[in-house]
Amino acid sequence: MNKWEIAFWCCLTLLVMVSVFSAYSIIDQAYTLTYHKVSYEDTEKDLEKLMEIINKTDLTKKQIETELKDHSHSEFMNFNSDTISLNRVLLIFENDKLKLVTKQW
């Protein structure tokens, strides 16, 4: 084999490897951005619901339960415990009054 043939195959191999890595990076970035977008939408929904709860109720557990009945995840919420989970936020009650709002992670 001539030197130019060896150089050609080395360059071709390198080009293919760089192209495959670039395609993988672009696809990975797209999935990451999509995941973040969904995550931000859930957080934004929780914030809107919290603003609604704080503005429309006097922060008693019964009134908050009424407000949360139309929430998209209301069938998964346990209203019998002292903690109610939204998408990414926990509402913690003490003596049927809202005591604390904290993140779920």
Protein backbone atom coordinates (compact mmCIF):
# COMPACT_ATOMS: atom_id res chain seq x y z
CA MET A 1 0.00 0.00 0.00
CA ASN A 2 1.13 3.50 -0.76
CA LYS A 3 1.36 6.18 1.89
CA TRP A 4 -1.56 8.09 0.36
CA GLU A 5 -3.79 4.98 0.60
CA ILE A 6 -2.96 4.59 4.30
CA ALA A 7 -3.61 8.30 4.85
CA PHE A 8 -6.92 8.07 2.94
CA TRP A 9 -8.21 5.16 5.06
CA CYS A 10 -7.10 6.83 8.29
CA CYS A 11 -8.87 10.06 7.33
CA LEU A 12 -11.99 8.19 6.23
CA THR A 13 -12.11 6.25 9.51
CA LEU A 14 -11.62 9.45 11.50
CA LEU A 15 -14.34 11.22 9.48
CA VAL A 16 -16.84 8.39 10.10
CA MET A 17 -16.06 8.33 13.84
CA VAL A 18 -16.46 12.11 14.16
CA SER A 19 -19.73 12.02 12.19
CA VAL A 20 -21.19 9.24 14.37
CA PHE A 21 -20.16 11.04 17.58
CA SER A 22 -21.65 14.32 16.29
CA ALA A 23 -24.94 12.66 15.40
CA TYR A 24 -25.10 11.03 18.84
CA SER A 25 -24.39 14.36 20.54
CA ILE A 26 -27.13 16.15 18.59
CA ILE A 27 -29.72 13.44 19.36
CA ASP A 28 -28.73 13.39 23.04
CA GLN A 29 -29.08 17.18 23.22
CA ALA A 30 -32.55 16.99 21.68
CA TYR A 31 -33.72 14.43 24.25
CA THR A 32 -32.23 16.45 27.09
CA LEU A 33 -33.96 19.66 25.98
CA THR A 34 -37.29 17.85 25.62
CA TYR A 35 -36.97 16.40 29.12
CA HIS A 36 -36.16 19.81 30.58
CA LYS A 37 -39.11 21.39 28.77
CA VAL A 38 -41.53 18.86 30.27
CA SER A 39 -39.95 19.32 33.69
CA TYR A 40 -40.30 23.11 33.50
CA GLU A 41 -43.94 22.79 32.40
CA ASP A 42 -44.72 20.63 35.45
CA THR A 43 -43.01 23.13 37.74
CA GLU A 44 -44.88 26.01 36.11
CA LYS A 45 -48.21 24.21 36.60
CA ASP A 46 -47.40 23.67 40.27
CA LEU A 47 -46.57 27.35 40.68
CA GLU A 48 -49.83 28.41 39.04
CA LYS A 49 -51.78 26.03 41.29
CA LEU A 50 -50.00 27.33 44.38
CA MET A 51 -50.81 30.92 43.44
CA GLU A 52 -54.43 29.90 42.99
CA ILE A 53 -54.50 28.15 46.37
CA ILE A 54 -52.90 31.04 48.23
CA ASN A 55 -55.08 33.69 46.59
CA LYS A 56 -58.44 31.86 46.77
CA THR A 57 -58.33 30.08 50.14
CA ASP A 58 -57.56 30.81 53.77
CA LEU A 59 -55.09 27.87 53.66
CA THR A 60 -57.26 25.28 55.41
CA LYS A 61 -56.91 21.71 54.28
CA LYS A 62 -60.58 21.38 53.31
CA GLN A 63 -60.50 24.43 51.03
CA ILE A 64 -57.23 23.35 49.44
CA GLU A 65 -58.69 19.89 48.77
CA THR A 66 -61.60 21.56 47.01
CA GLU A 67 -59.22 23.61 44.86
CA LEU A 68 -57.16 20.54 44.00
CA LYS A 69 -60.09 18.40 42.84
CA ASP A 70 -59.65 19.71 39.26
CA HIS A 71 -55.87 19.13 39.27
CA SER A 72 -54.62 16.74 36.59
CA HIS A 73 -53.17 14.35 39.19
CA SER A 74 -55.97 14.56 41.74
CA GLU A 75 -56.75 10.83 41.46
CA PHE A 76 -53.22 10.08 42.73
CA MET A 77 -53.37 12.51 45.66
CA ASN A 78 -53.90 11.16 49.14
CA PHE A 79 -56.07 13.71 50.93
CA ASN A 80 -56.19 11.62 54.11
CA SER A 81 -52.56 12.19 55.04
CA ASP A 82 -50.93 15.39 56.25
CA THR A 83 -48.95 15.70 53.01
CA ILE A 84 -50.40 16.32 49.55
CA SER A 85 -48.15 15.92 46.54
CA LEU A 86 -48.46 18.01 43.39
CA ASN A 87 -46.14 17.32 40.44
CA ARG A 88 -42.97 18.60 42.09
CA VAL A 89 -44.24 20.27 45.25
CA LEU A 90 -45.37 18.92 48.62
CA LEU A 91 -48.02 20.68 50.69
CA ILE A 92 -47.53 19.79 54.36
CA PHE A 93 -50.39 20.37 56.81
CA GLU A 94 -50.48 20.59 60.57
CA ASN A 95 -53.79 20.80 62.44
CA ASP A 96 -55.61 21.14 59.09
CA LYS A 97 -53.69 24.32 58.20
CA LEU A 98 -51.01 24.66 55.56
CA LYS A 99 -47.71 24.65 57.42
CA LEU A 100 -45.07 24.19 54.74
CA VAL A 101 -44.59 24.09 50.97
CA THR A 102 -41.47 22.24 49.90
CA LYS A 103 -40.01 20.61 46.82
CA GLN A 104 -40.57 16.91 46.31
CA TRP A 105 -37.10 15.77 45.22
